[in-house]
Amino acid sequence: MTVEVRKQLIRGIGFVGIAIVVLNSMIGAGIFALPTSIASTAGNLSPWLFLLVGVLFISIVLSFAELASYFQNSGGPVLYTRTAFGPLVGFSTGWLLYVSRMAAFAANVTVIPIYLGTFWPWMTEGFGRALIISVVCIGLTIVNYIGLKDGIRTVAILTFLKLTPIVLMILLGLQYVTADTLIPKSLPKIEDMGATTLLLIYAFVGFESATIISGETVNPRRTMPRALVATVLGTALLYFLIVLIFISVLPNASSAGATLVDVGAKLAGPAGAIVITLAAIFSVTGNLSAIMLAVPRLTFALAEQRLLPRWFGEVHDRYATPGNSVLFLGALSLLFAISGSFAYLAAASSLTRLICYGLSIAALPSIRQQADEATMRDAYRLKGGYTIPAIALLLCVWIAFQSTADSWRLTAWLLVLGLVFYTLARQRGSDPAG
């Protein structure tokens, strides 16, 4: 009698690897656009707003840190919501999160030709644009197809290349910081606090990507919570310093549409502008690498939970990666990025993520009740009962309702499309209830 032995993913990611994934999932193109947008409405208060929202957002991260400590398999929000609410909610959560991250990948990859156009204008349109997008998508797909360690190594290198110029910019810019820029004498009037908060949240979303790869993490119940909390707090501090340097070096530039590239030019001339432009390219590519590393594990987890066809859950014989899921994300992202139709998906990407956050946090009481004694003993239990999760859930709901009606309609249509796939999976033998 032949017994089928199912291939397993390899646990090869430690604390540093998870921290790198979290950092790159949060810091992409936005780090070069958000300082201008926030400074134009909040002035000298903008660095403190980043820090304040980061502290508030940590309630969401802490809730996810506890959730992650109950599970050892890949899937993150898919596992949390399926365990608490059943397969339909688990699938819907995973589907919305997958679409959101795929749209973010497709949107961000189109930024690279724009930055490269600073040096080679022919790359910004037509064949040149399509070529650059194809090279990036195919290259990252291959790297993550052939091995987990290669994927982590790529993200680590890009992290170094993007953070080094930013840290140098901060160090050079500290000489411009004054008491007036550090501590504003008067508070500006913010016309639309809801919209401003929604914009600030863009700096911190994406951390959940790390929870998706729990199945390939060494001792995830201990590693995941520590990496999540430490990295998000570090990112909030980094944003604070970047925006502080921005308003200190270029105090009136936000109204003129200046960017961090202009800060680099002020600090180090043309060479500084080139270095910051390259940092922007590396930042976006690092973000794309983190998405390509983590998000295929979503469809893999959905297949493991029998919520998608088994094809998505196949592990490569040689490379021990979810090869089919990696190829699917690479092909889909390339298609949307080149066609440009991804823009409609990107409009609702933040809203879909907030819905996933809310559903995951709402699952915590049920997961606590279902956990056995050994799991509870090792879990990362939050103090204060449900106080922190309640704050996090209220924050998600409030921010979600700052979204436009168009975003809600698009999210509803995307959910309907996902439910069609869910129904097809059941009819073809992937019965989620089975």
Protein backbone atom coordinates (compact mmCIF):
# COMPACT_ATOMS: atom_id res chain seq x y z
CA MET A 1 0.00 0.00 0.00
CA THR A 2 1.46 3.36 -1.06
CA VAL A 3 1.01 6.24 1.36
CA GLU A 4 1.04 9.72 -0.18
CA VAL A 5 3.35 12.03 1.75
CA ARG A 6 2.36 15.63 1.19
CA LYS A 7 5.22 18.06 0.64
CA GLN A 8 5.59 20.75 3.29
CA LEU A 9 6.87 24.30 3.30
CA ILE A 10 10.20 24.85 5.07
CA ARG A 11 10.40 26.91 8.27
CA GLY A 12 13.35 29.13 7.38
CA ILE A 13 12.34 32.65 8.46
CA GLY A 14 13.49 34.05 11.79
CA PHE A 15 12.92 37.33 13.65
CA VAL A 16 15.05 39.41 11.27
CA GLY A 17 13.35 37.93 8.20
CA ILE A 18 9.88 38.70 9.56
CA ALA A 19 10.95 42.23 10.53
CA ILE A 20 12.26 42.82 7.00
CA VAL A 21 8.99 41.61 5.47
CA VAL A 22 6.94 43.89 7.78
CA LEU A 23 9.17 46.88 7.05
CA ASN A 24 9.03 46.46 3.30
CA SER A 25 5.30 45.72 3.31
CA MET A 26 4.68 49.10 4.95
CA ILE A 27 7.38 51.25 3.34
CA GLY A 28 7.05 51.50 -0.44
CA ALA A 29 6.31 54.42 -2.73
CA GLY A 30 4.28 56.16 -0.03
CA ILE A 31 7.33 57.20 1.97
CA PHE A 32 8.27 59.57 -0.86
CA ALA A 33 4.76 60.99 -1.37
CA LEU A 34 3.17 61.14 2.08
CA PRO A 35 5.46 63.81 3.62
CA THR A 36 4.35 66.33 0.98
CA SER A 37 0.66 65.47 1.28
CA ILE A 38 0.52 65.59 5.08
CA ALA A 39 2.77 68.66 5.44
CA SER A 40 0.52 70.61 3.05
CA THR A 41 -2.44 70.20 5.45
CA ALA A 42 -0.82 69.84 8.90
CA GLY A 43 2.35 71.94 8.59
CA ASN A 44 4.78 71.59 11.51
CA LEU A 45 2.33 69.27 13.25
CA SER A 46 2.73 66.60 10.55
CA PRO A 47 5.66 64.68 12.15
CA TRP A 48 3.68 64.33 15.37
CA LEU A 49 0.59 63.18 13.48
CA PHE A 50 2.60 60.30 12.01
CA LEU A 51 3.77 59.36 15.50
CA LEU A 52 0.26 59.71 16.99
CA VAL A 53 -1.39 57.58 14.30
CA GLY A 54 1.43 55.05 14.68
CA VAL A 55 0.71 54.76 18.41
CA LEU A 56 -3.04 54.37 17.74
CA PHE A 57 -2.36 51.86 14.97
CA ILE A 58 -0.29 49.76 17.34
CA SER A 59 -3.58 48.62 18.92
CA ILE A 60 -4.36 46.86 15.63
CA VAL A 61 -0.85 45.41 15.46
CA LEU A 62 -1.00 44.17 19.07
CA SER A 63 -4.30 42.44 18.33
CA PHE A 64 -2.70 40.71 15.35
CA ALA A 65 0.31 39.82 17.49
CA GLU A 66 -1.94 37.86 19.85
CA LEU A 67 -3.86 36.30 16.96
CA ALA A 68 -0.59 35.17 15.33
CA SER A 69 0.57 33.52 18.56
CA TYR A 70 -2.28 30.97 18.40
CA PHE A 71 -1.32 29.58 14.97
CA GLN A 72 1.67 27.88 13.38
CA ASN A 73 0.44 27.52 9.79
CA SER A 74 0.43 29.95 6.86
CA GLY A 75 -2.58 32.12 6.15
CA GLY A 76 -2.80 34.85 8.79
CA PRO A 77 -6.26 36.51 8.54
CA VAL A 78 -7.61 33.52 6.59
CA LEU A 79 -6.90 31.20 9.53
CA TYR A 80 -8.19 33.64 12.13
CA THR A 81 -11.56 34.31 10.49
CA ARG A 82 -12.11 30.73 9.33
CA THR A 83 -11.49 29.41 12.82
CA ALA A 84 -13.92 31.87 14.37
CA PHE A 85 -16.61 32.34 11.74
CA GLY A 86 -16.37 29.40 9.34
CA PRO A 87 -15.12 28.81 5.79
CA LEU A 88 -17.23 31.41 3.98
CA VAL A 89 -15.95 34.33 6.08
CA GLY A 90 -12.43 32.88 5.97
CA PHE A 91 -12.51 32.76 2.20
CA SER A 92 -14.02 36.25 1.88
CA THR A 93 -11.33 37.71 4.14
CA GLY A 94 -8.53 35.99 2.26
CA TRP A 95 -9.96 36.96 -1.12
CA LEU A 96 -10.33 40.66 -0.24
CA LEU A 97 -6.83 40.76 1.23
CA TYR A 98 -5.40 39.00 -1.81
CA VAL A 99 -7.04 41.43 -4.24
CA SER A 100 -5.86 44.37 -2.16
CA ARG A 101 -2.22 43.24 -2.12
CA MET A 102 -2.26 42.23 -5.79
CA ALA A 103 -3.64 45.68 -6.69
CA ALA A 104 -0.98 47.33 -4.56
CA PHE A 105 1.71 45.34 -6.37
CA ALA A 106 0.31 46.29 -9.78
CA ALA A 107 0.01 49.95 -8.78
CA ASN A 108 3.49 50.22 -7.25
CA VAL A 109 5.31 48.50 -10.09
CA THR A 110 4.12 51.24 -12.48
CA VAL A 111 5.95 53.80 -10.33
CA ILE A 112 9.36 52.33 -11.21
CA PRO A 113 9.30 53.46 -14.90
CA ILE A 114 8.39 56.95 -13.70
CA TYR A 115 11.45 57.16 -11.43
CA LEU A 116 13.71 55.55 -14.05
CA GLY A 117 12.40 58.14 -16.49
CA THR A 118 14.50 60.68 -14.56
CA PHE A 119 17.55 59.08 -16.18
CA TRP A 120 16.05 57.50 -19.32
CA PRO A 121 12.82 59.23 -20.48
CA TRP A 122 12.01 56.48 -23.00
CA MET A 123 11.12 54.17 -20.08
CA THR A 124 8.05 56.17 -19.04
CA GLU A 125 5.72 55.10 -21.87
CA GLY A 126 5.00 52.57 -24.58
CA PHE A 127 7.42 49.70 -25.07
CA GLY A 128 9.91 51.02 -22.51
CA ARG A 129 7.28 51.13 -19.76
CA ALA A 130 6.00 47.64 -20.61
CA LEU A 131 9.57 46.29 -20.69
CA ILE A 132 10.48 47.61 -17.24
CA ILE A 133 7.22 46.39 -15.70
CA SER A 134 7.70 42.95 -17.28
CA VAL A 135 11.32 42.65 -16.11
CA VAL A 136 10.40 43.53 -12.53
CA CYS A 137 7.33 41.26 -12.36
CA ILE A 138 9.00 38.29 -14.03
CA GLY A 139 12.25 38.75 -12.10
CA LEU A 140 10.56 38.82 -8.68
CA THR A 141 8.34 35.89 -9.67
CA ILE A 142 11.36 33.76 -10.57
CA VAL A 143 13.27 34.70 -7.40
CA ASN A 144 10.36 33.68 -5.16
CA TYR A 145 9.56 30.58 -7.24
CA ILE A 146 13.01 29.06 -6.84
CA GLY A 147 13.34 29.42 -3.08
CA LEU A 148 12.24 31.05 0.17
CA LYS A 149 15.76 32.05 1.16
CA ASP A 150 16.33 33.73 -2.21
CA GLY A 151 13.14 35.73 -1.68
CA ILE A 152 14.18 36.81 1.82
CA ARG A 153 17.70 37.61 0.63
CA THR A 154 16.34 39.82 -2.16
CA VAL A 155 14.12 41.73 0.27
CA ALA A 156 17.04 42.15 2.71
CA ILE A 157 19.35 43.60 0.02
CA LEU A 158 16.68 46.03 -1.17
CA THR A 159 15.99 47.03 2.44
CA PHE A 160 19.65 48.00 2.90
CA LEU A 161 19.74 49.88 -0.41
CA LYS A 162 16.65 51.95 0.39
CA LEU A 163 17.24 52.62 4.08
CA THR A 164 20.89 53.68 3.82
CA PRO A 165 20.20 56.86 1.75
CA ILE A 166 17.19 57.70 3.92
CA VAL A 167 19.22 57.38 7.15
CA LEU A 168 22.00 59.54 5.63
CA MET A 169 19.40 62.14 4.63
CA ILE A 170 18.08 62.21 8.19
CA LEU A 171 21.57 62.61 9.66
CA LEU A 172 22.48 65.42 7.25
CA GLY A 173 19.13 67.13 7.80
CA LEU A 174 19.22 67.18 11.61
CA GLN A 175 21.27 70.41 11.48
CA TYR A 176 18.19 72.18 10.03
CA VAL A 177 15.87 71.13 12.87
CA THR A 178 14.93 74.00 15.20
CA ALA A 179 12.77 74.30 18.28
CA ASP A 180 9.98 75.81 16.14
CA THR A 181 9.86 72.85 13.75
CA LEU A 182 10.20 70.28 16.52
CA ILE A 183 7.56 71.81 18.81
CA PRO A 184 5.00 73.94 16.91
CA LYS A 185 3.97 77.16 18.67
CA SER A 186 0.47 77.01 17.21
CA LEU A 187 -1.64 74.14 15.92
CA PRO A 188 -2.83 74.35 12.30
CA LYS A 189 -6.50 73.88 11.52
CA ILE A 190 -6.99 70.60 9.64
CA GLU A 191 -10.06 70.90 7.43
CA ASP A 192 -10.76 67.18 6.96
CA MET A 193 -9.31 65.17 9.82
CA GLY A 194 -10.95 61.95 8.60
CA ALA A 195 -9.35 62.13 5.15
CA THR A 196 -6.00 63.12 6.68
CA THR A 197 -6.12 60.16 9.07
CA LEU A 198 -6.99 57.83 6.19
CA LEU A 199 -3.93 59.15 4.35
CA LEU A 200 -1.72 58.65 7.40
CA ILE A 201 -2.92 55.06 7.75
CA TYR A 202 -1.36 54.32 4.35
CA ALA A 203 2.02 54.54 6.08
CA PHE A 204 1.25 51.56 8.32
CA VAL A 205 -0.96 49.14 6.40
CA GLY A 206 0.69 46.04 5.00
CA PHE A 207 2.17 44.64 8.23
CA GLU A 208 -0.31 41.76 8.06
CA SER A 209 1.66 40.27 5.16
CA ALA A 210 4.08 38.80 7.70
CA THR A 211 1.32 36.78 9.40
CA ILE A 212 0.55 35.09 6.10
CA ILE A 213 3.94 33.31 6.13
CA SER A 214 3.67 31.86 9.64
CA GLY A 215 3.95 28.37 8.15
CA GLU A 216 7.52 29.15 7.07
CA THR A 217 8.53 30.97 10.26
CA VAL A 218 10.76 29.52 12.97
CA ASN A 219 8.75 29.33 16.21
CA PRO A 220 6.04 31.70 14.89
CA ARG A 221 4.18 31.95 18.21
CA ARG A 222 7.15 33.80 19.70
CA THR A 223 8.81 35.30 16.63
CA MET A 224 5.75 36.86 14.98
CA PRO A 225 4.42 39.03 17.86
CA ARG A 226 7.86 40.47 18.72
CA ALA A 227 8.70 41.25 15.09
CA LEU A 228 5.31 42.85 14.37
CA VAL A 229 5.31 45.21 17.34
CA ALA A 230 8.99 46.20 17.15
CA THR A 231 8.95 46.88 13.40
CA VAL A 232 5.74 48.93 13.37
CA LEU A 233 7.00 51.10 16.24
CA GLY A 234 10.31 51.52 14.41
CA THR A 235 8.49 52.50 11.22
CA ALA A 236 6.45 55.14 13.08
CA LEU A 237 9.68 56.65 14.44
CA LEU A 238 11.28 56.56 10.99
CA TYR A 239 8.33 58.41 9.45
CA PHE A 240 8.48 60.97 12.27
CA LEU A 241 12.14 61.71 11.53
CA ILE A 242 11.68 61.80 7.75
CA VAL A 243 8.80 64.28 7.92
CA LEU A 244 10.62 66.35 10.55
CA ILE A 245 13.62 66.67 8.21
CA PHE A 246 11.32 67.46 5.28
CA ILE A 247 9.62 70.43 6.96
CA SER A 248 12.92 71.60 8.48
CA VAL A 249 14.99 71.57 5.28
CA LEU A 250 12.16 72.84 3.03
CA PRO A 251 9.81 74.77 5.37
CA ASN A 252 7.62 76.23 2.60
CA ALA A 253 8.03 73.54 -0.01
CA SER A 254 4.89 71.49 0.64
CA SER A 255 2.71 74.09 -1.05
CA ALA A 256 4.98 73.91 -4.11
CA GLY A 257 4.75 70.13 -4.38
CA ALA A 258 8.33 69.42 -3.30
CA THR A 259 9.39 65.85 -2.50
CA LEU A 260 12.20 64.07 -0.68
CA VAL A 261 14.19 64.27 -3.92
CA ASP A 262 14.21 68.05 -3.43
CA VAL A 263 15.44 67.51 0.13
CA GLY A 264 18.29 65.42 -1.24
CA ALA A 265 19.15 68.16 -3.73
CA LYS A 266 19.18 70.79 -0.96
CA LEU A 267 21.42 68.69 1.25
CA ALA A 268 23.88 67.32 -1.32
CA GLY A 269 23.20 68.96 -4.69
CA PRO A 270 22.48 66.94 -7.86
CA ALA A 271 24.19 63.88 -6.39
CA GLY A 272 21.78 63.98 -3.44
CA ALA A 273 18.80 64.13 -5.79
CA ILE A 274 20.09 61.10 -7.71
CA VAL A 275 20.72 59.11 -4.53
CA ILE A 276 17.19 59.78 -3.19
CA THR A 277 15.70 58.91 -6.59
CA LEU A 278 17.55 55.59 -6.49
CA ALA A 279 16.37 55.09 -2.91
CA ALA A 280 12.80 55.57 -4.14
CA ILE A 281 13.29 52.89 -6.79
CA PHE A 282 14.78 50.49 -4.25
CA SER A 283 11.99 51.30 -1.80
CA VAL A 284 9.27 50.46 -4.29
CA THR A 285 11.09 47.30 -5.41
CA GLY A 286 11.53 46.22 -1.79
CA ASN A 287 7.81 46.66 -1.24
CA LEU A 288 7.08 44.59 -4.34
CA SER A 289 9.48 41.89 -3.14
CA ALA A 290 7.72 41.66 0.22
CA ILE A 291 4.33 41.35 -1.51
CA MET A 292 5.60 38.65 -3.88
CA LEU A 293 7.09 36.76 -0.94
CA ALA A 294 4.03 36.84 1.31
CA VAL A 295 0.86 37.09 -0.79
CA PRO A 296 1.16 33.76 -2.71
CA ARG A 297 0.89 32.15 0.72
CA LEU A 298 -2.67 33.51 0.87
CA THR A 299 -3.91 31.43 -2.05
CA PHE A 300 -1.78 28.56 -0.73
CA ALA A 301 -3.52 28.84 2.66
CA LEU A 302 -6.95 29.07 1.02
CA ALA A 303 -6.19 25.86 -0.87
CA GLU A 304 -4.96 24.19 2.33
CA GLN A 305 -8.25 25.16 3.96
CA ARG A 306 -10.05 23.70 0.90
CA LEU A 307 -11.41 27.11 -0.03
CA LEU A 308 -9.64 27.15 -3.42
CA PRO A 309 -8.72 24.31 -5.81
CA ARG A 310 -5.81 22.16 -4.65
CA TRP A 311 -3.66 23.44 -7.55
CA PHE A 312 -2.93 26.59 -5.51
CA GLY A 313 -1.71 24.49 -2.59
CA GLU A 314 0.90 22.48 -4.45
CA VAL A 315 4.46 22.68 -3.05
CA HIS A 316 7.28 22.54 -5.60
CA ASP A 317 9.22 19.25 -5.50
CA ARG A 318 12.65 20.87 -5.69
CA TYR A 319 12.28 24.37 -4.27
CA ALA A 320 9.71 23.69 -1.50
CA THR A 321 7.79 26.86 -2.42
CA PRO A 322 4.10 27.34 -3.25
CA GLY A 323 5.15 27.50 -6.90
CA ASN A 324 1.73 27.62 -8.55
CA SER A 325 0.53 30.41 -6.26
CA VAL A 326 3.70 32.42 -6.96
CA LEU A 327 3.22 32.05 -10.72
CA PHE A 328 -0.46 33.00 -10.47
CA LEU A 329 0.28 36.23 -8.57
CA GLY A 330 3.13 37.14 -10.91
CA ALA A 331 1.02 36.65 -14.03
CA LEU A 332 -2.02 38.47 -12.61
CA SER A 333 0.03 41.44 -11.38
CA LEU A 334 1.82 41.75 -14.73
CA LEU A 335 -1.49 41.71 -16.59
CA PHE A 336 -3.08 44.41 -14.43
CA ALA A 337 0.03 46.59 -14.32
CA ILE A 338 0.55 46.68 -18.09
CA SER A 339 -3.15 47.11 -18.90
CA GLY A 340 -3.66 49.83 -16.34
CA SER A 341 -7.03 48.40 -15.25
CA PHE A 342 -5.58 47.81 -11.79
CA ALA A 343 -6.41 51.43 -10.92
CA TYR A 344 -10.01 50.50 -10.16
CA LEU A 345 -8.86 47.81 -7.76
CA ALA A 346 -6.30 50.09 -6.10
CA ALA A 347 -9.05 52.59 -5.26
CA ALA A 348 -10.54 50.14 -2.76
CA SER A 349 -7.32 48.47 -1.58
CA SER A 350 -7.13 50.32 1.74
CA LEU A 351 -10.81 49.74 2.49
CA THR A 352 -10.57 46.01 1.81
CA ARG A 353 -7.61 45.81 4.14
CA LEU A 354 -9.44 47.60 6.94
CA ILE A 355 -12.35 45.18 6.54
CA CYS A 356 -9.90 42.28 6.87
CA TYR A 357 -8.36 43.87 9.96
CA GLY A 358 -11.79 44.32 11.55
CA LEU A 359 -12.92 40.75 10.84
CA SER A 360 -9.64 39.33 12.18
CA ILE A 361 -9.81 41.33 15.40
CA ALA A 362 -13.47 40.38 15.87
CA ALA A 363 -12.35 36.72 15.69
CA LEU A 364 -10.11 37.03 18.77
CA PRO A 365 -12.72 36.18 21.48
CA SER A 366 -13.71 32.97 19.71
CA ILE A 367 -10.08 31.98 19.13
CA ARG A 368 -9.27 32.52 22.80
CA GLN A 369 -12.15 30.28 23.80
CA GLN A 370 -11.17 27.52 21.36
CA ALA A 371 -7.47 27.45 22.31
CA ASP A 372 -6.29 24.50 24.39
CA GLU A 373 -4.33 24.87 27.61
CA ALA A 374 -0.89 24.40 26.01
CA THR A 375 -1.61 26.99 23.31
CA MET A 376 -2.93 29.49 25.87
CA ARG A 377 0.21 29.04 27.94
CA ASP A 378 2.46 29.96 24.99
CA ALA A 379 0.22 32.66 23.53
CA TYR A 380 1.04 36.36 23.44
CA ARG A 381 -1.85 37.44 25.69
CA LEU A 382 -2.76 41.13 25.75
CA LYS A 383 -3.30 42.71 29.14
CA GLY A 384 -6.58 44.40 29.96
CA GLY A 385 -8.89 41.75 28.56
CA TYR A 386 -10.45 43.01 25.35
CA THR A 387 -9.65 46.71 25.84
CA ILE A 388 -6.91 46.89 23.21
CA PRO A 389 -8.81 44.80 20.60
CA ALA A 390 -11.92 46.94 21.20
CA ILE A 391 -9.93 50.14 20.54
CA ALA A 392 -8.44 48.53 17.43
CA LEU A 393 -11.84 47.46 16.11
CA LEU A 394 -13.36 50.91 16.66
CA LEU A 395 -10.37 52.47 14.89
CA CYS A 396 -10.84 50.16 11.89
CA VAL A 397 -14.56 50.95 11.67
CA TRP A 398 -14.05 54.72 11.98
CA ILE A 399 -11.29 54.83 9.35
CA ALA A 400 -13.22 52.55 6.97
CA PHE A 401 -16.17 54.92 7.01
CA GLN A 402 -13.92 57.74 5.84
CA SER A 403 -13.73 55.92 2.49
CA THR A 404 -15.79 57.08 -0.48
CA ALA A 405 -19.02 55.49 -1.69
CA ASP A 406 -17.20 54.42 -4.87
CA SER A 407 -14.69 52.43 -2.80
CA TRP A 408 -17.50 50.66 -0.95
CA ARG A 409 -19.27 49.80 -4.22
CA LEU A 410 -16.07 48.47 -5.77
CA THR A 411 -15.34 46.40 -2.66
CA ALA A 412 -18.83 44.89 -2.83
CA TRP A 413 -18.35 43.92 -6.49
CA LEU A 414 -14.95 42.37 -5.73
CA LEU A 415 -16.49 40.36 -2.92
CA VAL A 416 -19.24 39.10 -5.23
CA LEU A 417 -16.59 38.04 -7.75
CA GLY A 418 -14.72 36.17 -5.02
CA LEU A 419 -17.88 34.38 -3.93
CA VAL A 420 -18.33 33.16 -7.50
CA PHE A 421 -14.86 31.53 -7.32
CA TYR A 422 -15.76 30.10 -3.91
CA THR A 423 -18.92 28.52 -5.34
CA LEU A 424 -17.03 27.10 -8.31
CA ALA A 425 -14.43 25.57 -5.97
CA ARG A 426 -17.19 23.79 -4.07
CA GLN A 427 -18.84 22.49 -7.22
CA ARG A 428 -15.53 21.09 -8.49
CA GLY A 429 -14.83 19.08 -5.39
CA SER A 430 -13.07 21.60 -3.13
CA ASP A 431 -15.91 21.58 -0.63
CA PRO A 432 -14.93 24.00 2.20
CA ALA A 433 -17.19 22.22 4.62
CA GLY A 434 -15.53 18.92 3.97
